[in-house]
Each structure stands twice: as C-alpha cells, then as structure tokens.
C-alpha cells in the first residue's frame, strides 16, 4: 500500500527543498567542524559560490558590484527611466521626439556656427548605429526567452513535484505583484532586487542561511503543535465506505 501524502509530509518536503538538513559529523571529524559548517544549512543545499550560480560572467560581476562604476551606472539609468515614465508621466514617444529635437538642434547649431566662424564649414559626423548591435540584442533576447521556455518545459515534464510547486507558486506571486503595479514597475523592482539581494546575500551568507533555517524550523514546529492540538482532532469522513455503498 502506498504511503499516504499528509499535510505534514508536504511541509517536510517543502522545508527540505529550501534548506538542506545538517549533516551528521563523526567524532573524528569534529576537529574539522569549521570546514564542515560551511557545507550545512545552505539554501537549496547549494555548494557553489553565489558568483557561479549567477552565471559567473559579466552579468554576475554587475549584480555583485565587482565593478562599482558599471553597477551604479546601470542602476542609476534604470532609476532615471522609471522616474521619467512613472513619476513624471512621460511617454516613450514624447521622450523619443524630444531627444531627436535636441540632437537635430545641436547639429544645426554646429553646422551653421562653424560656417560663420570658419571659411569652410566643418562636416557634422554621421550618426550610424551598426547593424550588428541590433543583431546582438535580438540574439540575446531570443536566447533568454528560449532558455526560459525550456526551463518551464523541463519543470513540467521531469515529474519533480516539489520543484514544480515552487515554480507555480513563484508565477502566482508574480501575477499578484503584476496586479498591483504595471509592467515597468515590476521590471524596475526586479532590477533593484538583482543589484541588491545577491550582493547582500554574498556579504552576509552565513547569517541569512541560519536565519532562514531557523524560521523554517519554527514554522514546522508551530505546524506540528497546530496539527497535534487542532487538526488531528477534526473527524475525517470515511470516503471508501461511501464509495462501496
């Protein structure tokens, strides 16, 4: 007879998914407790550093503030765009036309002023965006979209119930957040979180892991008390008997 799936077993599985259980250390390994302690109580049971989990490339360097100028510039640019569209209620077409007017005005003044000051007017440099730039952007976006679709399809087809429930819950949380604010605000929140949470976790890794482990353990203990005091006393109907009748 297959083992019944209870609410307590489901809670155990969810806790085990987020936090790896502490490993038992023998008497002869107690001397190396410092090195062993770095392998326990890690979120999702991970063993690799945060930089490697984020891809280990330039994007990981930006999110972990390896180059503070680039990270600060990217975050500042995203903040300016969000303020212009959300707080000042600008529209994309308005900003585009305004920027084009400024560029044309600068070129007009440059070409005419140089003709008045010099006998031969200077040539205004042409603004040409390389085609490879658009090709690279399209390739990057296409690769990321395809990778996301492959990830969701793998989660749906692999049969890992715990991981499937986590992804479904994450998508549900995203839909709830999306109902509170528009798409641009969600993107901005994601950018800010990507530039603050990883570096904060990398700096206070042990403290965050231990705190999450204690919180999940406390939730599990409280559920056991609730189950022993209330839920276990609720009478359960005999569904099998009704089916035979």
C-alpha atoms as a PDB file:
ATOM      1  CA  UNK A   1       0.000   0.000   0.000  1.00  0.00           C
ATOM      2  CA  UNK A   2       1.447   3.368  -0.997  1.00  0.00           C
ATOM      3  CA  UNK A   3       2.309   5.855   1.698  1.00  0.00           C
ATOM      4  CA  UNK A   4      -0.379   8.482   2.281  1.00  0.00           C
ATOM      5  CA  UNK A   5       0.522  12.069   1.479  1.00  0.00           C
ATOM      6  CA  UNK A   6      -0.301  14.170   4.530  1.00  0.00           C
ATOM      7  CA  UNK A   7      -0.001  17.892   5.097  1.00  0.00           C
ATOM      8  CA  UNK A   8       2.901  17.310   7.480  1.00  0.00           C
ATOM      9  CA  UNK A   9       4.807  15.276   4.889  1.00  0.00           C
ATOM     10  CA  UNK A  10       4.213  18.009   2.321  1.00  0.00           C
ATOM     11  CA  UNK A  11       5.551  20.625   4.757  1.00  0.00           C
ATOM     12  CA  UNK A  12       8.620  18.454   5.400  1.00  0.00           C
ATOM     13  CA  UNK A  13       9.248  18.240   1.652  1.00  0.00           C
ATOM     14  CA  UNK A  14       8.958  21.998   1.200  1.00  0.00           C
ATOM     15  CA  UNK A  15      11.343  22.669   4.091  1.00  0.00           C
ATOM     16  CA  UNK A  16      13.830  20.137   2.726  1.00  0.00           C
ATOM     17  CA  UNK A  17      13.631  21.833  -0.669  1.00  0.00           C
ATOM     18  CA  UNK A  18      14.692  25.244   0.657  1.00  0.00           C
ATOM     19  CA  UNK A  19      17.141  24.144   3.343  1.00  0.00           C
ATOM     20  CA  UNK A  20      19.439  21.176   3.355  1.00  0.00           C
ATOM     21  CA  UNK A  21      19.343  19.242   6.614  1.00  0.00           C
ATOM     22  CA  UNK A  22      22.506  19.435   8.742  1.00  0.00           C
ATOM     23  CA  UNK A  23      24.888  16.585   8.072  1.00  0.00           C
ATOM     24  CA  UNK A  24      25.996  14.331  10.900  1.00  0.00           C
ATOM     25  CA  UNK A  25      29.641  14.688  11.859  1.00  0.00           C
ATOM     26  CA  UNK A  26      31.541  11.811  13.413  1.00  0.00           C
ATOM     27  CA  UNK A  27      33.828  12.107  16.433  1.00  0.00           C
ATOM     28  CA  UNK A  28      36.942  12.015  14.260  1.00  0.00           C
ATOM     29  CA  UNK A  29      35.611  14.858  12.086  1.00  0.00           C
ATOM     30  CA  UNK A  30      34.876  17.211  14.958  1.00  0.00           C
ATOM     31  CA  UNK A  31      38.282  18.811  14.545  1.00  0.00           C
ATOM     32  CA  UNK A  32      37.240  19.924  11.072  1.00  0.00           C
ATOM     33  CA  UNK A  33      33.939  21.339  12.251  1.00  0.00           C
ATOM     34  CA  UNK A  34      34.766  24.758  10.832  1.00  0.00           C
ATOM     35  CA  UNK A  35      35.113  23.402   7.313  1.00  0.00           C
ATOM     36  CA  UNK A  36      32.073  21.168   7.684  1.00  0.00           C
ATOM     37  CA  UNK A  37      29.926  24.014   8.998  1.00  0.00           C
ATOM     38  CA  UNK A  38      30.331  25.806   5.686  1.00  0.00           C
ATOM     39  CA  UNK A  39      28.506  22.933   3.951  1.00  0.00           C
ATOM     40  CA  UNK A  40      25.411  22.818   6.141  1.00  0.00           C
ATOM     41  CA  UNK A  41      22.327  24.958   6.379  1.00  0.00           C
ATOM     42  CA  UNK A  42      22.735  26.230   2.803  1.00  0.00           C
ATOM     43  CA  UNK A  43      19.665  27.371   0.894  1.00  0.00           C
ATOM     44  CA  UNK A  44      18.627  24.740  -1.666  1.00  0.00           C
ATOM     45  CA  UNK A  45      21.601  22.635  -0.490  1.00  0.00           C
ATOM     46  CA  UNK A  46      23.946  24.531  -2.766  1.00  0.00           C
ATOM     47  CA  UNK A  47      27.707  24.020  -2.723  1.00  0.00           C
ATOM     48  CA  UNK A  48      28.864  26.578  -5.319  1.00  0.00           C
ATOM     49  CA  UNK A  49      29.524  30.286  -4.647  1.00  0.00           C
ATOM     50  CA  UNK A  50      26.955  32.942  -5.461  1.00  0.00           C
ATOM     51  CA  UNK A  51      29.020  34.311  -8.357  1.00  0.00           C
ATOM     52  CA  UNK A  52      28.998  30.890 -10.043  1.00  0.00           C
ATOM     53  CA  UNK A  53      25.248  30.469  -9.516  1.00  0.00           C
ATOM     54  CA  UNK A  54      24.615  33.804 -11.248  1.00  0.00           C
ATOM     55  CA  UNK A  55      26.448  32.636 -14.358  1.00  0.00           C
ATOM     56  CA  UNK A  56      29.989  33.659 -13.493  1.00  0.00           C
ATOM     57  CA  UNK A  57      30.173  36.186 -16.344  1.00  0.00           C
ATOM     58  CA  UNK A  58      29.914  39.935 -16.741  1.00  0.00           C
ATOM     59  CA  UNK A  59      26.270  39.952 -15.646  1.00  0.00           C
ATOM     60  CA  UNK A  60      27.264  38.300 -12.363  1.00  0.00           C
ATOM     61  CA  UNK A  61      30.026  40.885 -11.915  1.00  0.00           C
ATOM     62  CA  UNK A  62      27.478  43.682 -12.380  1.00  0.00           C
ATOM     63  CA  UNK A  63      24.960  42.198  -9.930  1.00  0.00           C
ATOM     64  CA  UNK A  64      27.658  41.561  -7.316  1.00  0.00           C
ATOM     65  CA  UNK A  65      29.190  45.029  -7.768  1.00  0.00           C
ATOM     66  CA  UNK A  66      32.610  43.769  -8.850  1.00  0.00           C
ATOM     67  CA  UNK A  67      32.859  46.960 -10.916  1.00  0.00           C
ATOM     68  CA  UNK A  68      31.089  49.603  -8.864  1.00  0.00           C
ATOM     69  CA  UNK A  69      31.032  52.217 -11.636  1.00  0.00           C
ATOM     70  CA  UNK A  70      29.227  49.961 -14.115  1.00  0.00           C
ATOM     71  CA  UNK A  71      26.791  48.643 -11.497  1.00  0.00           C
ATOM     72  CA  UNK A  72      25.999  52.120 -10.199  1.00  0.00           C
ATOM     73  CA  UNK A  73      25.575  53.481 -13.738  1.00  0.00           C
ATOM     74  CA  UNK A  74      23.203  50.671 -14.704  1.00  0.00           C
ATOM     75  CA  UNK A  75      21.112  51.079 -11.556  1.00  0.00           C
ATOM     76  CA  UNK A  76      21.070  54.873 -11.920  1.00  0.00           C
ATOM     77  CA  UNK A  77      19.968  54.629 -15.552  1.00  0.00           C
ATOM     78  CA  UNK A  78      17.142  52.254 -14.645  1.00  0.00           C
ATOM     79  CA  UNK A  79      16.059  54.612 -11.859  1.00  0.00           C
ATOM     80  CA  UNK A  80      16.024  57.619 -14.211  1.00  0.00           C
ATOM     81  CA  UNK A  81      13.918  55.748 -16.766  1.00  0.00           C
ATOM     82  CA  UNK A  82      11.473  54.603 -14.088  1.00  0.00           C
ATOM     83  CA  UNK A  83      11.148  58.121 -12.628  1.00  0.00           C
ATOM     84  CA  UNK A  84      10.544  59.651 -16.067  1.00  0.00           C
ATOM     85  CA  UNK A  85       7.820  57.190 -17.013  1.00  0.00           C
ATOM     86  CA  UNK A  86       6.169  56.623 -13.629  1.00  0.00           C
ATOM     87  CA  UNK A  87       6.567  59.794 -11.565  1.00  0.00           C
ATOM     88  CA  UNK A  88       6.725  62.417 -14.317  1.00  0.00           C
ATOM     89  CA  UNK A  89       4.228  60.518 -16.521  1.00  0.00           C
ATOM     90  CA  UNK A  90       6.291  60.852 -19.676  1.00  0.00           C
ATOM     91  CA  UNK A  91       5.520  58.631 -22.649  1.00  0.00           C
ATOM     92  CA  UNK A  92       8.067  56.828 -24.780  1.00  0.00           C
ATOM     93  CA  UNK A  93       7.083  58.666 -27.961  1.00  0.00           C
ATOM     94  CA  UNK A  94       7.329  62.024 -26.167  1.00  0.00           C
ATOM     95  CA  UNK A  95      10.845  61.311 -24.897  1.00  0.00           C
ATOM     96  CA  UNK A  96      11.935  59.964 -28.284  1.00  0.00           C
ATOM     97  CA  UNK A  97      10.731  63.064 -30.140  1.00  0.00           C
ATOM     98  CA  UNK A  98      12.253  65.351 -27.514  1.00  0.00           C
ATOM     99  CA  UNK A  99      15.630  63.584 -27.796  1.00  0.00           C
ATOM    100  CA  UNK A 100      15.541  63.785 -31.606  1.00  0.00           C
ATOM    101  CA  UNK A 101      14.760  67.513 -31.436  1.00  0.00           C
ATOM    102  CA  UNK A 102      17.764  68.080 -29.153  1.00  0.00           C
ATOM    103  CA  UNK A 103      20.050  66.115 -31.474  1.00  0.00           C
ATOM    104  CA  UNK A 104      18.836  67.995 -34.554  1.00  0.00           C
ATOM    105  CA  UNK A 105      19.185  71.350 -32.773  1.00  0.00           C
ATOM    106  CA  UNK A 106      22.753  70.538 -31.720  1.00  0.00           C
ATOM    107  CA  UNK A 107      23.689  69.529 -35.276  1.00  0.00           C
ATOM    108  CA  UNK A 108      22.027  72.637 -36.718  1.00  0.00           C
ATOM    109  CA  UNK A 109      23.956  74.951 -34.400  1.00  0.00           C
ATOM    110  CA  UNK A 110      27.202  73.075 -35.023  1.00  0.00           C
ATOM    111  CA  UNK A 111      26.979  73.227 -38.805  1.00  0.00           C
ATOM    112  CA  UNK A 112      25.868  76.877 -39.007  1.00  0.00           C
ATOM    113  CA  UNK A 113      28.177  78.215 -36.295  1.00  0.00           C
ATOM    114  CA  UNK A 114      31.214  76.574 -37.871  1.00  0.00           C
ATOM    115  CA  UNK A 115      30.296  78.158 -41.218  1.00  0.00           C
ATOM    116  CA  UNK A 116      30.165  81.622 -39.685  1.00  0.00           C
ATOM    117  CA  UNK A 117      33.415  81.302 -37.747  1.00  0.00           C
ATOM    118  CA  UNK A 118      35.424  79.468 -40.399  1.00  0.00           C
ATOM    119  CA  UNK A 119      35.647  79.922 -44.112  1.00  0.00           C
ATOM    120  CA  UNK A 120      34.910  76.260 -44.706  1.00  0.00           C
ATOM    121  CA  UNK A 121      32.108  74.740 -42.633  1.00  0.00           C
ATOM    122  CA  UNK A 122      33.050  71.574 -40.793  1.00  0.00           C
ATOM    123  CA  UNK A 123      31.255  68.350 -41.596  1.00  0.00           C
ATOM    124  CA  UNK A 124      28.914  67.059 -38.944  1.00  0.00           C
ATOM    125  CA  UNK A 125      29.702  63.406 -38.147  1.00  0.00           C
ATOM    126  CA  UNK A 126      27.032  60.954 -39.230  1.00  0.00           C
ATOM    127  CA  UNK A 127      25.140  59.076 -36.563  1.00  0.00           C
ATOM    128  CA  UNK A 128      25.133  55.459 -37.676  1.00  0.00           C
ATOM    129  CA  UNK A 129      24.226  52.550 -35.418  1.00  0.00           C
ATOM    130  CA  UNK A 130      25.927  49.319 -36.548  1.00  0.00           C
ATOM    131  CA  UNK A 131      23.602  46.550 -37.674  1.00  0.00           C
ATOM    132  CA  UNK A 132      25.490  44.074 -35.523  1.00  0.00           C
ATOM    133  CA  UNK A 133      24.203  45.954 -32.479  1.00  0.00           C
ATOM    134  CA  UNK A 134      20.578  45.115 -33.305  1.00  0.00           C
ATOM    135  CA  UNK A 135      21.503  41.569 -34.286  1.00  0.00           C
ATOM    136  CA  UNK A 136      23.242  41.008 -30.956  1.00  0.00           C
ATOM    137  CA  UNK A 137      20.293  42.415 -28.999  1.00  0.00           C
ATOM    138  CA  UNK A 138      17.840  40.205 -30.893  1.00  0.00           C
ATOM    139  CA  UNK A 139      20.061  37.158 -30.401  1.00  0.00           C
ATOM    140  CA  UNK A 140      20.431  37.761 -26.668  1.00  0.00           C
ATOM    141  CA  UNK A 141      16.690  38.299 -26.181  1.00  0.00           C
ATOM    142  CA  UNK A 142      15.850  35.228 -28.261  1.00  0.00           C
ATOM    143  CA  UNK A 143      18.303  33.045 -26.348  1.00  0.00           C
ATOM    144  CA  UNK A 144      16.972  34.189 -22.975  1.00  0.00           C
ATOM    145  CA  UNK A 145      13.339  33.632 -23.998  1.00  0.00           C
ATOM    146  CA  UNK A 146      14.119  30.164 -25.350  1.00  0.00           C
ATOM    147  CA  UNK A 147      16.075  29.284 -22.221  1.00  0.00           C
ATOM    148  CA  UNK A 148      13.144  30.346 -20.040  1.00  0.00           C
ATOM    149  CA  UNK A 149      10.698  28.300 -22.108  1.00  0.00           C
ATOM    150  CA  UNK A 150      12.981  25.251 -21.954  1.00  0.00           C
ATOM    151  CA  UNK A 151      13.269  25.652 -18.186  1.00  0.00           C
ATOM    152  CA  UNK A 152       9.490  25.758 -17.719  1.00  0.00           C
ATOM    153  CA  UNK A 153       9.018  22.776 -20.025  1.00  0.00           C
ATOM    154  CA  UNK A 154      11.659  20.758 -18.186  1.00  0.00           C
ATOM    155  CA  UNK A 155       9.991  21.531 -14.850  1.00  0.00           C
ATOM    156  CA  UNK A 156       6.622  20.420 -16.245  1.00  0.00           C
ATOM    157  CA  UNK A 157       7.916  17.168 -17.754  1.00  0.00           C
ATOM    158  CA  UNK A 158      10.518  15.953 -15.237  1.00  0.00           C
ATOM    159  CA  UNK A 159       7.940  14.976 -12.594  1.00  0.00           C
ATOM    160  CA  UNK A 160       9.658  16.744  -9.676  1.00  0.00           C
ATOM    161  CA  UNK A 161       6.590  17.739  -7.659  1.00  0.00           C
ATOM    162  CA  UNK A 162       8.418  19.966  -5.167  1.00  0.00           C
ATOM    163  CA  UNK A 163      10.197  21.996  -7.827  1.00  0.00           C
ATOM    164  CA  UNK A 164       7.012  22.166  -9.884  1.00  0.00           C
ATOM    165  CA  UNK A 165       5.055  23.584  -6.927  1.00  0.00           C
ATOM    166  CA  UNK A 166       7.794  26.144  -6.218  1.00  0.00           C
ATOM    167  CA  UNK A 167       7.739  27.401  -9.822  1.00  0.00           C
ATOM    168  CA  UNK A 168       3.929  27.529  -9.881  1.00  0.00           C
ATOM    169  CA  UNK A 169       3.899  29.432  -6.575  1.00  0.00           C
ATOM    170  CA  UNK A 170       6.521  31.865  -7.917  1.00  0.00           C
ATOM    171  CA  UNK A 171       4.454  32.514 -11.045  1.00  0.00           C
ATOM    172  CA  UNK A 172       1.369  33.040  -8.898  1.00  0.00           C
ATOM    173  CA  UNK A 173       3.244  35.555  -6.727  1.00  0.00           C
ATOM    174  CA  UNK A 174       4.393  37.304  -9.903  1.00  0.00           C
ATOM    175  CA  UNK A 175       0.810  37.534 -11.145  1.00  0.00           C
ATOM    176  CA  UNK A 176      -0.297  39.023  -7.815  1.00  0.00           C
ATOM    177  CA  UNK A 177       2.505  41.599  -7.909  1.00  0.00           C
ATOM    178  CA  UNK A 178       1.621  42.381 -11.523  1.00  0.00           C
ATOM    179  CA  UNK A 179      -1.956  43.166 -10.496  1.00  0.00           C
ATOM    180  CA  UNK A 180      -0.667  45.766  -8.021  1.00  0.00           C
ATOM    181  CA  UNK A 181       1.591  47.686 -10.417  1.00  0.00           C
ATOM    182  CA  UNK A 182       2.364  47.916 -14.121  1.00  0.00           C
ATOM    183  CA  UNK A 183       4.981  46.025 -16.100  1.00  0.00           C
ATOM    184  CA  UNK A 184       7.623  48.766 -15.969  1.00  0.00           C
ATOM    185  CA  UNK A 185       7.474  48.939 -12.176  1.00  0.00           C
ATOM    186  CA  UNK A 186       7.803  45.155 -11.946  1.00  0.00           C
ATOM    187  CA  UNK A 187      10.880  45.285 -14.196  1.00  0.00           C
ATOM    188  CA  UNK A 188      12.383  48.083 -12.096  1.00  0.00           C
ATOM    189  CA  UNK A 189      11.751  46.169  -8.860  1.00  0.00           C
ATOM    190  CA  UNK A 190      13.444  43.154 -10.418  1.00  0.00           C
ATOM    191  CA  UNK A 191      16.468  45.241 -11.458  1.00  0.00           C
ATOM    192  CA  UNK A 192      16.805  46.763  -7.984  1.00  0.00           C
ATOM    193  CA  UNK A 193      16.443  43.340  -6.354  1.00  0.00           C
ATOM    194  CA  UNK A 194      19.023  41.844  -8.727  1.00  0.00           C
ATOM    195  CA  UNK A 195      21.510  44.580  -7.786  1.00  0.00           C
ATOM    196  CA  UNK A 196      20.931  44.450  -4.016  1.00  0.00           C
ATOM    197  CA  UNK A 197      19.874  40.975  -2.843  1.00  0.00           C
ATOM    198  CA  UNK A 198      22.762  38.922  -4.350  1.00  0.00           C
ATOM    199  CA  UNK A 199      25.477  41.233  -3.006  1.00  0.00           C
ATOM    200  CA  UNK A 200      23.733  41.391   0.382  1.00  0.00           C
ATOM    201  CA  UNK A 201      23.474  37.602   0.499  1.00  0.00           C
ATOM    202  CA  UNK A 202      27.101  37.168  -0.548  1.00  0.00           C
ATOM    203  CA  UNK A 203      28.239  39.512   2.233  1.00  0.00           C
ATOM    204  CA  UNK A 204      26.039  38.010   4.983  1.00  0.00           C
ATOM    205  CA  UNK A 205      25.763  34.482   3.620  1.00  0.00           C
ATOM    206  CA  UNK A 206      26.058  32.536   6.881  1.00  0.00           C
ATOM    207  CA  UNK A 207      23.707  34.828   8.793  1.00  0.00           C
ATOM    208  CA  UNK A 208      20.996  34.667   6.107  1.00  0.00           C
ATOM    209  CA  UNK A 209      21.211  30.880   5.772  1.00  0.00           C
ATOM    210  CA  UNK A 210      20.999  30.338   9.521  1.00  0.00           C
ATOM    211  CA  UNK A 211      18.105  32.801   9.847  1.00  0.00           C
ATOM    212  CA  UNK A 212      16.090  31.132   7.073  1.00  0.00           C
ATOM    213  CA  UNK A 213      16.815  27.705   8.545  1.00  0.00           C
ATOM    214  CA  UNK A 214      15.592  28.823  11.977  1.00  0.00           C
ATOM    215  CA  UNK A 215      12.449  30.441  10.545  1.00  0.00           C
ATOM    216  CA  UNK A 216      11.507  27.359   8.533  1.00  0.00           C
ATOM    217  CA  UNK A 217      12.208  25.147  11.533  1.00  0.00           C
ATOM    218  CA  UNK A 218       9.984  27.338  13.704  1.00  0.00           C
ATOM    219  CA  UNK A 219       7.214  27.169  11.087  1.00  0.00           C
ATOM    220  CA  UNK A 220       7.481  23.401  11.060  1.00  0.00           C
ATOM    221  CA  UNK A 221       7.336  23.200  14.870  1.00  0.00           C
ATOM    222  CA  UNK A 222       4.315  25.505  15.002  1.00  0.00           C
ATOM    223  CA  UNK A 223       2.546  23.385  12.427  1.00  0.00           C
ATOM    224  CA  UNK A 224       3.225  20.254  14.472  1.00  0.00           C
ATOM    225  CA  UNK A 225       1.668  21.922  17.515  1.00  0.00           C
ATOM    226  CA  UNK A 226      -1.327  23.030  15.449  1.00  0.00           C
ATOM    227  CA  UNK A 227      -1.718  19.566  13.994  1.00  0.00           C
ATOM    228  CA  UNK A 228      -1.472  17.886  17.400  1.00  0.00           C
ATOM    229  CA  UNK A 229      -3.830  20.338  19.110  1.00  0.00           C
ATOM    230  CA  UNK A 230      -6.444  21.076  16.443  1.00  0.00           C
ATOM    231  CA  UNK A 231      -6.082  19.394  13.070  1.00  0.00           C
ATOM    232  CA  UNK A 232      -5.670  15.851  14.391  1.00  0.00           C
ATOM    233  CA  UNK A 233      -8.913  16.180  16.388  1.00  0.00           C
ATOM    234  CA  UNK A 234     -11.017  17.051  13.338  1.00  0.00           C
ATOM    235  CA  UNK A 235     -13.059  13.959  12.367  1.00  0.00           C
ATOM    236  CA  UNK A 236     -12.350  12.648   8.901  1.00  0.00           C
ATOM    237  CA  UNK A 237     -15.081  11.116   6.779  1.00  0.00           C
ATOM    238  CA  UNK A 238     -14.771   7.548   5.512  1.00  0.00           C
ATOM    239  CA  UNK A 239     -14.822   8.081   1.778  1.00  0.00           C
ATOM    240  CA  UNK A 240     -14.129   4.428   0.959  1.00  0.00           C
ATOM    241  CA  UNK A 241     -17.203   3.300   2.847  1.00  0.00           C
ATOM    242  CA  UNK A 242     -19.378   5.723   0.908  1.00  0.00           C
ATOM    243  CA  UNK A 243     -17.981   4.506  -2.397  1.00  0.00           C
ATOM    244  CA  UNK A 244     -18.758   0.853  -1.577  1.00  0.00           C
ATOM    245  CA  UNK A 245     -22.305   1.800  -0.616  1.00  0.00           C
END
